N, C-alpha and C. Protein backbone atom coordinates (compact mmCIF):
# COMPACT_ATOMS: atom_id res chain seq x y z
N MET A 1 68.76 133.69 30.66
CA MET A 1 68.94 135.26 29.61
C MET A 1 69.52 134.39 28.36
N ARG A 2 70.56 133.80 29.27
CA ARG A 2 71.49 132.96 27.57
C ARG A 2 70.95 132.43 27.11
N ALA A 3 69.22 131.64 27.60
CA ALA A 3 68.12 130.70 26.98
C ALA A 3 67.76 131.23 25.60
N ALA A 4 67.20 132.83 25.78
CA ALA A 4 67.19 133.58 25.45
C ALA A 4 67.25 133.96 23.82
N ILE A 5 68.99 133.96 24.40
CA ILE A 5 69.60 134.20 23.26
C ILE A 5 69.84 133.06 22.23
N MET A 6 69.87 131.72 23.45
CA MET A 6 70.61 130.49 22.11
C MET A 6 68.50 130.24 20.77
N ASP A 7 67.90 131.09 21.52
CA ASP A 7 66.84 130.59 20.91
C ASP A 7 66.41 131.80 19.63
N LEU A 8 67.39 132.55 19.99
CA LEU A 8 67.12 133.76 18.35
C LEU A 8 68.37 133.23 17.75
N PHE A 9 68.69 132.36 18.46
CA PHE A 9 69.85 131.88 17.47
C PHE A 9 69.77 130.30 16.76
N TRP A 10 68.98 129.75 17.03
CA TRP A 10 68.47 128.54 16.43
C TRP A 10 66.85 128.98 15.60
N LEU A 11 66.26 130.58 15.59
CA LEU A 11 65.39 131.16 15.14
C LEU A 11 65.57 131.12 14.37
N ARG A 12 66.62 131.86 13.62
CA ARG A 12 67.73 132.91 12.63
C ARG A 12 68.61 131.42 11.91
N MET A 13 68.71 130.29 12.41
CA MET A 13 69.28 128.98 11.39
C MET A 13 67.85 128.81 11.21
N VAL A 14 67.09 129.07 12.03
CA VAL A 14 66.03 128.15 10.88
C VAL A 14 65.13 129.11 9.90
N MET A 15 65.32 130.54 9.43
CA MET A 15 65.48 130.71 8.94
C MET A 15 65.93 131.24 7.92
N TRP A 16 67.34 130.81 7.49
CA TRP A 16 68.15 131.14 6.67
C TRP A 16 67.64 129.18 6.22
N VAL A 17 67.22 128.67 6.88
CA VAL A 17 67.12 127.09 5.87
C VAL A 17 65.70 127.23 5.29
N ARG A 18 64.80 127.89 5.89
CA ARG A 18 63.63 127.73 5.49
C ARG A 18 64.06 129.02 4.07
N ARG A 19 64.33 129.84 4.19
CA ARG A 19 64.73 130.95 3.12
C ARG A 19 66.10 131.15 3.13
N ARG A 20 67.09 130.87 2.04
CA ARG A 20 68.09 130.79 1.57
C ARG A 20 68.30 132.57 1.53
N PRO A 21 69.51 132.90 1.79
CA PRO A 21 70.05 134.57 1.57
C PRO A 21 70.58 134.07 -0.28
N SER A 22 70.48 134.69 -0.95
CA SER A 22 70.16 135.11 -2.69
C SER A 22 72.09 135.08 -2.46
N ARG A 23 72.33 134.21 -3.60
CA ARG A 23 73.78 134.39 -4.01
C ARG A 23 74.26 135.88 -3.85
N GLN A 24 74.50 137.12 -4.47
CA GLN A 24 74.37 137.82 -4.18
C GLN A 24 75.15 138.57 -2.78
N PHE A 25 73.52 138.82 -2.45
CA PHE A 25 74.14 138.96 -0.56
C PHE A 25 75.74 137.88 -0.07
N MET A 26 75.23 137.09 -0.34
CA MET A 26 76.34 136.04 0.36
C MET A 26 77.61 136.32 -0.51
N ILE A 27 77.56 136.85 -1.55
CA ILE A 27 78.83 137.27 -2.60
C ILE A 27 79.40 138.02 -1.65
N ALA A 28 77.89 138.93 -1.09
CA ALA A 28 78.51 140.43 -0.49
C ALA A 28 79.33 140.81 0.72
N ALA A 29 78.49 139.38 1.56
CA ALA A 29 78.87 139.14 2.51
C ALA A 29 80.76 138.37 3.15
N VAL A 30 81.66 137.76 1.71
CA VAL A 30 82.43 137.23 1.85
C VAL A 30 82.83 138.18 1.57
N ALA A 31 82.91 139.33 0.73
CA ALA A 31 83.77 139.83 -0.50
C ALA A 31 84.49 141.06 1.56
N VAL A 32 82.60 141.08 1.67
CA VAL A 32 83.11 141.97 2.71
C VAL A 32 84.31 141.92 4.48
N ILE A 33 83.81 140.88 5.39
CA ILE A 33 84.46 139.34 5.56
C ILE A 33 86.40 139.37 5.12
N VAL A 34 86.43 139.63 3.52
CA VAL A 34 87.88 139.22 2.89
C VAL A 34 88.20 140.42 3.49
N LEU A 35 87.80 141.28 2.64
CA LEU A 35 87.66 142.46 2.35
C LEU A 35 88.73 143.59 3.98
N ALA A 36 88.01 142.89 5.01
CA ALA A 36 87.85 143.49 6.51
C ALA A 36 89.68 141.73 6.81
N ALA A 37 89.99 141.15 6.56
CA ALA A 37 90.51 139.91 6.41
C ALA A 37 92.54 141.02 5.87
N VAL A 38 91.89 141.57 4.91
CA VAL A 38 93.44 142.12 4.03
C VAL A 38 93.17 143.28 4.41
N LEU A 39 92.77 144.17 5.23
CA LEU A 39 93.15 145.54 5.91
C LEU A 39 93.71 145.26 7.58
N VAL A 40 92.78 144.34 7.52
CA VAL A 40 93.63 143.63 9.09
C VAL A 40 94.77 143.52 9.44
N THR A 41 95.04 142.84 8.25
CA THR A 41 97.32 141.77 7.79
C THR A 41 97.51 142.54 7.05
N ILE A 42 97.10 144.01 6.37
CA ILE A 42 98.13 144.62 6.19
C ILE A 42 98.59 146.23 6.87
N GLU A 43 97.70 146.27 7.65
CA GLU A 43 98.11 146.65 9.50
C GLU A 43 99.25 145.82 10.18
N LYS A 44 98.91 145.15 10.21
CA LYS A 44 98.98 143.93 11.55
C LYS A 44 100.43 143.65 11.04
N LEU A 45 101.35 143.78 9.57
CA LEU A 45 102.49 143.96 8.70
C LEU A 45 103.37 144.57 8.86
N GLY A 46 102.75 145.60 9.15
CA GLY A 46 103.44 146.71 8.92
C GLY A 46 103.00 147.83 7.40
N TRP A 47 102.58 147.27 6.64
CA TRP A 47 101.72 148.50 5.36
C TRP A 47 101.36 149.48 5.39
N TRP A 48 100.26 149.24 6.11
CA TRP A 48 99.58 150.26 6.37
C TRP A 48 100.34 151.84 6.27
N PRO A 49 99.84 152.78 5.23
CA PRO A 49 100.72 154.16 5.41
C PRO A 49 100.55 155.22 6.22
N ASP A 50 101.68 155.79 6.96
CA ASP A 50 101.58 156.99 8.46
C ASP A 50 100.28 157.21 7.79
N TRP A 51 100.06 158.31 7.09
CA TRP A 51 99.13 158.62 6.29
C TRP A 51 97.15 158.38 6.98
N ALA A 52 97.79 156.51 7.27
CA ALA A 52 96.18 156.49 7.26
C ALA A 52 95.58 155.97 8.65
N HIS A 53 96.66 156.44 9.47
CA HIS A 53 96.22 155.87 11.20
C HIS A 53 95.45 156.95 11.27
N ALA A 54 94.30 156.66 12.47
CA ALA A 54 93.82 157.83 13.42
C ALA A 54 94.31 158.30 14.09
N ASP A 55 93.87 159.43 14.49
CA ASP A 55 95.29 160.13 15.79
C ASP A 55 93.99 159.78 17.18
N ARG A 56 94.02 159.36 18.15
CA ARG A 56 93.73 158.27 18.64
C ARG A 56 93.05 160.39 19.79
N VAL A 57 91.94 160.21 19.70
CA VAL A 57 91.46 161.33 21.38
C VAL A 57 90.82 160.99 22.61
N GLY A 58 90.25 161.79 23.27
CA GLY A 58 90.36 161.72 24.25
C GLY A 58 88.42 161.59 23.52
N ARG A 59 88.10 161.53 25.84
CA ARG A 59 86.67 161.58 25.59
C ARG A 59 85.60 162.16 25.58
N ARG A 60 86.48 163.41 24.99
CA ARG A 60 85.61 164.77 25.11
C ARG A 60 86.74 165.82 24.32
N GLY A 61 86.13 164.31 22.64
CA GLY A 61 86.56 165.44 21.59
C GLY A 61 88.51 165.73 21.78
N PRO A 62 89.17 166.05 20.57
CA PRO A 62 90.68 166.40 20.52
C PRO A 62 90.46 168.47 20.65
N GLY A 63 89.75 168.89 21.39
CA GLY A 63 90.80 169.94 22.22
C GLY A 63 90.64 171.32 21.33
N ILE A 64 89.83 172.08 21.69
CA ILE A 64 90.49 173.93 21.04
C ILE A 64 90.89 174.53 21.38
N HIS A 65 92.87 175.12 21.45
CA HIS A 65 93.70 175.76 21.98
C HIS A 65 93.28 176.88 21.75
N ALA A 66 93.25 178.13 22.09
CA ALA A 66 93.09 179.50 21.85
C ALA A 66 94.75 179.66 21.75
N THR A 67 95.06 180.72 20.47
CA THR A 67 96.85 180.46 20.72
C THR A 67 96.58 181.97 21.00
N PRO A 68 98.27 182.98 21.23
CA PRO A 68 97.43 184.11 21.95
C PRO A 68 98.12 184.97 20.30
N MET A 69 96.95 185.92 20.32
CA MET A 69 97.43 187.18 18.97
C MET A 69 98.18 188.21 19.60
N ASN A 70 99.31 188.70 19.01
CA ASN A 70 100.77 189.28 19.48
C ASN A 70 100.25 190.33 17.86
C-alpha cells in the first residue's frame, strides 16, 4: 500500500516538473498557507475574539430542548 502512495507522489511531482503550475496558482496557494498560519498564530496567542469561537457540539447535534409553556 505504501508503495502505491509513493508512486502517486512521484507521478504528481513528475507532472509538476513537466507542466508547472501558473504563477497565479502558486501565489494563491502561498497566500492561503500564510493566511492559515496567521489565523493559527492569532488563536494560539489568545488574540482571537470570544465571539469568533465555535461551540463544541456532540455527535447528535446541539439538541432541541423544549421549554414548558405556562
